[in-house]
């Protein structure tokens, strides 16, 4: 997909489906919320229709509760997934007024924030909490980090090798080019895989 502007971010997704399947269990969302934007990546457990159904339900719940703080949002999503296979989820909320990003991950959807400025640290990793939303929810703690124009967030499901977290990436590339590059270089051909790239554009003038 091409890069899309949503509120204070521009974003894009690259994905592929496991061979032999008719539906992917990996889904994503990006939407405007008051004062900012919310992005998320969901990986339904397993493969096929049941994994896809769990992922779709999680996305629906997150979109429905998008204006809530992230921790209550994930708890609502957990309740909506009762009786399903469950899902692993990472979400991030960009606040343009404060120039902060709040992020949280349950399971193994990796998150990387690459800084636009050459300050230390140049990149930050999302602290993932072990668990499965809809099955076993761990104690939740969201992290709040400052952001500046050009900071770039990358979320990737486990169909993408975690090597990308330690590579020097061309983070100034347009989000669609960066997402495609990460998927092409690190995606596993034998699994569903999805990469979401979101770049913060700064507060509105």
C-alpha atoms as a PDB file:
ATOM      1  CA  UNK A   1       0.000   0.000   0.000  1.00  0.00           C
ATOM      2  CA  UNK A   2       1.029   3.616  -0.459  1.00  0.00           C
ATOM      3  CA  UNK A   3       1.775   5.946   2.438  1.00  0.00           C
ATOM      4  CA  UNK A   4      -1.334   7.457   4.055  1.00  0.00           C
ATOM      5  CA  UNK A   5      -1.628  10.615   6.194  1.00  0.00           C
ATOM      6  CA  UNK A   6      -3.772  10.254   9.334  1.00  0.00           C
ATOM      7  CA  UNK A   7      -3.756  13.102  11.845  1.00  0.00           C
ATOM      8  CA  UNK A   8      -0.157  13.766  12.997  1.00  0.00           C
ATOM      9  CA  UNK A   9       1.296  10.633  11.386  1.00  0.00           C
ATOM     10  CA  UNK A  10       1.933   9.129   7.982  1.00  0.00           C
ATOM     11  CA  UNK A  11       1.867   5.355   7.786  1.00  0.00           C
ATOM     12  CA  UNK A  12       1.846   2.275   5.580  1.00  0.00           C
ATOM     13  CA  UNK A  13       1.567  -1.510   5.864  1.00  0.00           C
ATOM     14  CA  UNK A  14       3.306  -4.337   4.009  1.00  0.00           C
ATOM     15  CA  UNK A  15       2.066  -7.905   4.465  1.00  0.00           C
ATOM     16  CA  UNK A  16       1.924 -11.375   3.011  1.00  0.00           C
ATOM     17  CA  UNK A  17      -0.092 -14.492   3.803  1.00  0.00           C
ATOM     18  CA  UNK A  18       1.165 -17.965   4.590  1.00  0.00           C
ATOM     19  CA  UNK A  19       1.061 -20.126   1.452  1.00  0.00           C
ATOM     20  CA  UNK A  20      -1.966 -22.396   1.344  1.00  0.00           C
ATOM     21  CA  UNK A  21      -4.138 -20.166   3.541  1.00  0.00           C
ATOM     22  CA  UNK A  22      -7.123 -18.146   2.364  1.00  0.00           C
ATOM     23  CA  UNK A  23      -7.006 -15.571   5.187  1.00  0.00           C
ATOM     24  CA  UNK A  24      -4.229 -13.959   7.169  1.00  0.00           C
ATOM     25  CA  UNK A  25      -4.263 -13.910  10.950  1.00  0.00           C
ATOM     26  CA  UNK A  26      -2.246 -10.671  10.949  1.00  0.00           C
ATOM     27  CA  UNK A  27      -4.210  -7.407  10.916  1.00  0.00           C
ATOM     28  CA  UNK A  28      -3.506  -3.740  11.594  1.00  0.00           C
ATOM     29  CA  UNK A  29      -5.228  -0.432  12.191  1.00  0.00           C
ATOM     30  CA  UNK A  30      -4.370   3.263  12.056  1.00  0.00           C
ATOM     31  CA  UNK A  31      -6.900   5.942  12.903  1.00  0.00           C
ATOM     32  CA  UNK A  32      -7.191   9.516  14.084  1.00  0.00           C
ATOM     33  CA  UNK A  33      -8.157  10.099  17.698  1.00  0.00           C
ATOM     34  CA  UNK A  34      -8.716  13.426  19.474  1.00  0.00           C
ATOM     35  CA  UNK A  35      -5.360  15.184  19.562  1.00  0.00           C
ATOM     36  CA  UNK A  36      -3.451  12.465  17.764  1.00  0.00           C
ATOM     37  CA  UNK A  37      -3.510   9.021  16.198  1.00  0.00           C
ATOM     38  CA  UNK A  38      -3.703   5.374  17.255  1.00  0.00           C
ATOM     39  CA  UNK A  39      -1.958   2.492  15.493  1.00  0.00           C
ATOM     40  CA  UNK A  40      -1.898  -1.197  16.273  1.00  0.00           C
ATOM     41  CA  UNK A  41      -0.903  -4.600  14.953  1.00  0.00           C
ATOM     42  CA  UNK A  42      -2.740  -7.799  15.895  1.00  0.00           C
ATOM     43  CA  UNK A  43      -1.690 -11.413  15.320  1.00  0.00           C
ATOM     44  CA  UNK A  44      -4.439 -13.986  15.911  1.00  0.00           C
ATOM     45  CA  UNK A  45      -3.023 -17.213  17.352  1.00  0.00           C
ATOM     46  CA  UNK A  46      -2.404 -19.945  14.816  1.00  0.00           C
ATOM     47  CA  UNK A  47      -3.374 -19.667  11.171  1.00  0.00           C
ATOM     48  CA  UNK A  48      -6.408 -19.704   8.948  1.00  0.00           C
ATOM     49  CA  UNK A  49      -9.981 -18.577   9.517  1.00  0.00           C
ATOM     50  CA  UNK A  50     -10.009 -18.851  13.324  1.00  0.00           C
ATOM     51  CA  UNK A  51      -6.854 -16.769  13.656  1.00  0.00           C
ATOM     52  CA  UNK A  52      -8.270 -14.220  11.209  1.00  0.00           C
ATOM     53  CA  UNK A  53     -11.555 -14.069  13.151  1.00  0.00           C
ATOM     54  CA  UNK A  54      -9.712 -13.386  16.412  1.00  0.00           C
ATOM     55  CA  UNK A  55      -7.634 -10.657  14.763  1.00  0.00           C
ATOM     56  CA  UNK A  56     -10.698  -9.020  13.201  1.00  0.00           C
ATOM     57  CA  UNK A  57     -12.510  -9.041  16.553  1.00  0.00           C
ATOM     58  CA  UNK A  58      -9.491  -7.453  18.249  1.00  0.00           C
ATOM     59  CA  UNK A  59      -9.263  -4.702  15.632  1.00  0.00           C
ATOM     60  CA  UNK A  60     -12.995  -4.039  15.926  1.00  0.00           C
ATOM     61  CA  UNK A  61     -12.700  -3.719  19.716  1.00  0.00           C
ATOM     62  CA  UNK A  62      -9.676  -1.410  19.517  1.00  0.00           C
ATOM     63  CA  UNK A  63     -11.414   0.836  16.982  1.00  0.00           C
ATOM     64  CA  UNK A  64     -14.559   0.921  19.114  1.00  0.00           C
ATOM     65  CA  UNK A  65     -12.616   1.938  22.258  1.00  0.00           C
ATOM     66  CA  UNK A  66      -9.930   4.013  20.526  1.00  0.00           C
ATOM     67  CA  UNK A  67     -10.539   7.118  22.635  1.00  0.00           C
ATOM     68  CA  UNK A  68      -9.801   5.264  25.879  1.00  0.00           C
ATOM     69  CA  UNK A  69      -6.331   5.180  27.463  1.00  0.00           C
ATOM     70  CA  UNK A  70      -4.308   2.228  26.196  1.00  0.00           C
ATOM     71  CA  UNK A  71      -4.548  -0.003  29.276  1.00  0.00           C
ATOM     72  CA  UNK A  72      -8.384   0.064  29.498  1.00  0.00           C
ATOM     73  CA  UNK A  73      -8.460  -0.337  25.703  1.00  0.00           C
ATOM     74  CA  UNK A  74      -6.486  -3.598  25.923  1.00  0.00           C
ATOM     75  CA  UNK A  75      -8.636  -4.832  28.807  1.00  0.00           C
ATOM     76  CA  UNK A  76     -11.771  -4.220  26.728  1.00  0.00           C
ATOM     77  CA  UNK A  77     -10.144  -6.079  23.850  1.00  0.00           C
ATOM     78  CA  UNK A  78      -9.342  -8.977  26.196  1.00  0.00           C
ATOM     79  CA  UNK A  79     -13.015  -9.292  27.142  1.00  0.00           C
ATOM     80  CA  UNK A  80     -14.103  -9.133  23.510  1.00  0.00           C
ATOM     81  CA  UNK A  81     -11.812 -12.069  22.675  1.00  0.00           C
ATOM     82  CA  UNK A  82     -13.106 -14.463  25.341  1.00  0.00           C
ATOM     83  CA  UNK A  83     -13.905 -17.798  23.693  1.00  0.00           C
ATOM     84  CA  UNK A  84     -11.644 -17.142  20.696  1.00  0.00           C
ATOM     85  CA  UNK A  85      -8.100 -18.320  20.014  1.00  0.00           C
ATOM     86  CA  UNK A  86      -6.905 -14.988  21.357  1.00  0.00           C
ATOM     87  CA  UNK A  87      -4.321 -12.662  19.883  1.00  0.00           C
ATOM     88  CA  UNK A  88      -1.042 -10.920  20.567  1.00  0.00           C
ATOM     89  CA  UNK A  89      -1.259  -7.164  20.176  1.00  0.00           C
ATOM     90  CA  UNK A  90       0.916  -4.053  20.207  1.00  0.00           C
ATOM     91  CA  UNK A  91      -0.608  -0.566  20.127  1.00  0.00           C
ATOM     92  CA  UNK A  92       0.710   3.000  20.198  1.00  0.00           C
ATOM     93  CA  UNK A  93      -1.085   6.307  20.711  1.00  0.00           C
ATOM     94  CA  UNK A  94       0.508   9.502  19.388  1.00  0.00           C
ATOM     95  CA  UNK A  95      -0.348  12.694  21.302  1.00  0.00           C
ATOM     96  CA  UNK A  96       0.470  15.744  19.205  1.00  0.00           C
ATOM     97  CA  UNK A  97      -0.245  18.266  21.987  1.00  0.00           C
ATOM     98  CA  UNK A  98       2.277  16.704  24.384  1.00  0.00           C
ATOM     99  CA  UNK A  99       4.505  15.302  21.625  1.00  0.00           C
ATOM    100  CA  UNK A 100       4.509  11.917  23.329  1.00  0.00           C
ATOM    101  CA  UNK A 101       3.798   8.358  22.266  1.00  0.00           C
ATOM    102  CA  UNK A 102       2.266   5.803  24.631  1.00  0.00           C
ATOM    103  CA  UNK A 103       2.832   2.171  23.644  1.00  0.00           C
ATOM    104  CA  UNK A 104       2.119  -1.264  25.040  1.00  0.00           C
ATOM    105  CA  UNK A 105       2.579  -4.819  23.793  1.00  0.00           C
ATOM    106  CA  UNK A 106       1.141  -8.164  24.909  1.00  0.00           C
ATOM    107  CA  UNK A 107       2.780 -11.134  23.220  1.00  0.00           C
ATOM    108  CA  UNK A 108       5.321 -10.983  20.429  1.00  0.00           C
ATOM    109  CA  UNK A 109       4.391  -8.183  18.040  1.00  0.00           C
ATOM    110  CA  UNK A 110       7.751  -6.392  18.089  1.00  0.00           C
ATOM    111  CA  UNK A 111       7.967  -2.613  18.320  1.00  0.00           C
ATOM    112  CA  UNK A 112      10.882  -0.357  17.387  1.00  0.00           C
ATOM    113  CA  UNK A 113      11.023   3.447  17.591  1.00  0.00           C
ATOM    114  CA  UNK A 114      13.806   4.919  15.441  1.00  0.00           C
ATOM    115  CA  UNK A 115      14.744   8.449  16.384  1.00  0.00           C
ATOM    116  CA  UNK A 116      14.993  11.119  13.688  1.00  0.00           C
ATOM    117  CA  UNK A 117      17.735  12.957  15.549  1.00  0.00           C
ATOM    118  CA  UNK A 118      21.142  11.478  16.241  1.00  0.00           C
ATOM    119  CA  UNK A 119      20.730  11.687  19.992  1.00  0.00           C
ATOM    120  CA  UNK A 120      21.227   8.825  22.422  1.00  0.00           C
ATOM    121  CA  UNK A 121      19.478   6.455  22.403  1.00  0.00           C
ATOM    122  CA  UNK A 122      18.904   6.446  18.647  1.00  0.00           C
ATOM    123  CA  UNK A 123      16.288   3.718  18.939  1.00  0.00           C
ATOM    124  CA  UNK A 124      13.997   2.277  21.578  1.00  0.00           C
ATOM    125  CA  UNK A 125      12.408  -1.169  21.804  1.00  0.00           C
ATOM    126  CA  UNK A 126       8.899  -1.856  23.024  1.00  0.00           C
ATOM    127  CA  UNK A 127       8.876  -3.851  26.271  1.00  0.00           C
ATOM    128  CA  UNK A 128       6.626  -6.817  25.525  1.00  0.00           C
ATOM    129  CA  UNK A 129       4.547  -8.477  28.247  1.00  0.00           C
ATOM    130  CA  UNK A 130       4.080 -12.234  28.022  1.00  0.00           C
ATOM    131  CA  UNK A 131       0.493 -13.336  27.488  1.00  0.00           C
ATOM    132  CA  UNK A 132      -2.353 -13.690  25.014  1.00  0.00           C
ATOM    133  CA  UNK A 133      -5.174 -11.145  24.852  1.00  0.00           C
ATOM    134  CA  UNK A 134      -8.426 -13.061  25.307  1.00  0.00           C
ATOM    135  CA  UNK A 135      -6.742 -15.969  27.098  1.00  0.00           C
ATOM    136  CA  UNK A 136      -4.229 -14.743  29.677  1.00  0.00           C
ATOM    137  CA  UNK A 137      -3.730 -11.025  30.244  1.00  0.00           C
ATOM    138  CA  UNK A 138      -0.575 -10.062  32.166  1.00  0.00           C
ATOM    139  CA  UNK A 139      -0.190  -7.069  34.436  1.00  0.00           C
ATOM    140  CA  UNK A 140      -0.240  -4.124  32.035  1.00  0.00           C
ATOM    141  CA  UNK A 141       2.100  -1.143  32.111  1.00  0.00           C
ATOM    142  CA  UNK A 142       2.221   1.332  29.243  1.00  0.00           C
ATOM    143  CA  UNK A 143       5.372   3.322  28.507  1.00  0.00           C
ATOM    144  CA  UNK A 144       5.266   7.001  27.550  1.00  0.00           C
ATOM    145  CA  UNK A 145       8.138   8.347  25.450  1.00  0.00           C
ATOM    146  CA  UNK A 146       8.774  11.826  24.009  1.00  0.00           C
ATOM    147  CA  UNK A 147       8.703  12.115  20.233  1.00  0.00           C
ATOM    148  CA  UNK A 148       9.788  14.690  17.671  1.00  0.00           C
ATOM    149  CA  UNK A 149       9.011  15.190  14.004  1.00  0.00           C
ATOM    150  CA  UNK A 150      10.447  12.353  11.956  1.00  0.00           C
ATOM    151  CA  UNK A 151      10.534   9.717  14.689  1.00  0.00           C
ATOM    152  CA  UNK A 152       9.497   6.427  13.081  1.00  0.00           C
ATOM    153  CA  UNK A 153       7.639   3.523  14.684  1.00  0.00           C
ATOM    154  CA  UNK A 154       7.834  -0.003  13.258  1.00  0.00           C
ATOM    155  CA  UNK A 155       5.535  -2.827  14.423  1.00  0.00           C
ATOM    156  CA  UNK A 156       6.071  -6.346  13.063  1.00  0.00           C
ATOM    157  CA  UNK A 157       4.420  -9.714  13.713  1.00  0.00           C
ATOM    158  CA  UNK A 158       6.375 -12.923  14.347  1.00  0.00           C
ATOM    159  CA  UNK A 159       6.299 -13.695  10.638  1.00  0.00           C
ATOM    160  CA  UNK A 160       9.104 -11.096  10.468  1.00  0.00           C
ATOM    161  CA  UNK A 161      12.465 -12.126  11.905  1.00  0.00           C
ATOM    162  CA  UNK A 162      13.435 -10.005  14.903  1.00  0.00           C
ATOM    163  CA  UNK A 163      16.838  -9.318  13.287  1.00  0.00           C
ATOM    164  CA  UNK A 164      15.302  -6.112  11.925  1.00  0.00           C
ATOM    165  CA  UNK A 165      15.365  -4.639  15.444  1.00  0.00           C
ATOM    166  CA  UNK A 166      19.158  -4.401  15.303  1.00  0.00           C
ATOM    167  CA  UNK A 167      19.685  -3.408  11.677  1.00  0.00           C
ATOM    168  CA  UNK A 168      20.487   0.091  10.456  1.00  0.00           C
ATOM    169  CA  UNK A 169      17.314   0.908   8.544  1.00  0.00           C
ATOM    170  CA  UNK A 170      16.743   3.752   6.061  1.00  0.00           C
ATOM    171  CA  UNK A 171      14.213   5.320   8.419  1.00  0.00           C
ATOM    172  CA  UNK A 172      13.923   8.491   6.337  1.00  0.00           C
ATOM    173  CA  UNK A 173      12.428   6.493   3.466  1.00  0.00           C
ATOM    174  CA  UNK A 174       8.656   6.928   2.982  1.00  0.00           C
ATOM    175  CA  UNK A 175       6.751   4.559   5.286  1.00  0.00           C
ATOM    176  CA  UNK A 176       5.577   2.335   2.420  1.00  0.00           C
ATOM    177  CA  UNK A 177       9.148   1.899   1.158  1.00  0.00           C
ATOM    178  CA  UNK A 178      10.455   1.114   4.635  1.00  0.00           C
ATOM    179  CA  UNK A 179       7.632  -1.362   5.366  1.00  0.00           C
ATOM    180  CA  UNK A 180       8.232  -3.135   2.054  1.00  0.00           C
ATOM    181  CA  UNK A 181      11.972  -3.277   2.698  1.00  0.00           C
ATOM    182  CA  UNK A 182      11.597  -4.802   6.176  1.00  0.00           C
ATOM    183  CA  UNK A 183       9.089  -7.378   4.921  1.00  0.00           C
ATOM    184  CA  UNK A 184      11.182  -8.321   1.876  1.00  0.00           C
ATOM    185  CA  UNK A 185      14.392  -8.668   3.853  1.00  0.00           C
ATOM    186  CA  UNK A 186      13.154 -10.210   7.103  1.00  0.00           C
ATOM    187  CA  UNK A 187       9.754 -11.777   6.359  1.00  0.00           C
ATOM    188  CA  UNK A 188       9.388 -15.562   6.717  1.00  0.00           C
ATOM    189  CA  UNK A 189       7.935 -17.089   3.564  1.00  0.00           C
ATOM    190  CA  UNK A 190       6.280 -19.862   5.599  1.00  0.00           C
ATOM    191  CA  UNK A 191       4.167 -17.649   7.876  1.00  0.00           C
ATOM    192  CA  UNK A 192       1.724 -14.756   7.837  1.00  0.00           C
ATOM    193  CA  UNK A 193       3.750 -11.559   8.176  1.00  0.00           C
ATOM    194  CA  UNK A 194       2.858  -7.887   8.585  1.00  0.00           C
ATOM    195  CA  UNK A 195       4.890  -4.713   9.045  1.00  0.00           C
ATOM    196  CA  UNK A 196       3.366  -1.362   9.970  1.00  0.00           C
ATOM    197  CA  UNK A 197       5.462   1.813   9.772  1.00  0.00           C
ATOM    198  CA  UNK A 198       4.174   5.083  11.278  1.00  0.00           C
ATOM    199  CA  UNK A 199       6.127   8.351  11.182  1.00  0.00           C
ATOM    200  CA  UNK A 200       5.304  11.275  13.434  1.00  0.00           C
ATOM    201  CA  UNK A 201       4.903  14.515  11.468  1.00  0.00           C
ATOM    202  CA  UNK A 202       4.709  16.936  14.376  1.00  0.00           C
ATOM    203  CA  UNK A 203       1.849  18.945  15.872  1.00  0.00           C
ATOM    204  CA  UNK A 204      -0.516  20.780  13.550  1.00  0.00           C
ATOM    205  CA  UNK A 205       0.487  24.392  12.775  1.00  0.00           C
END
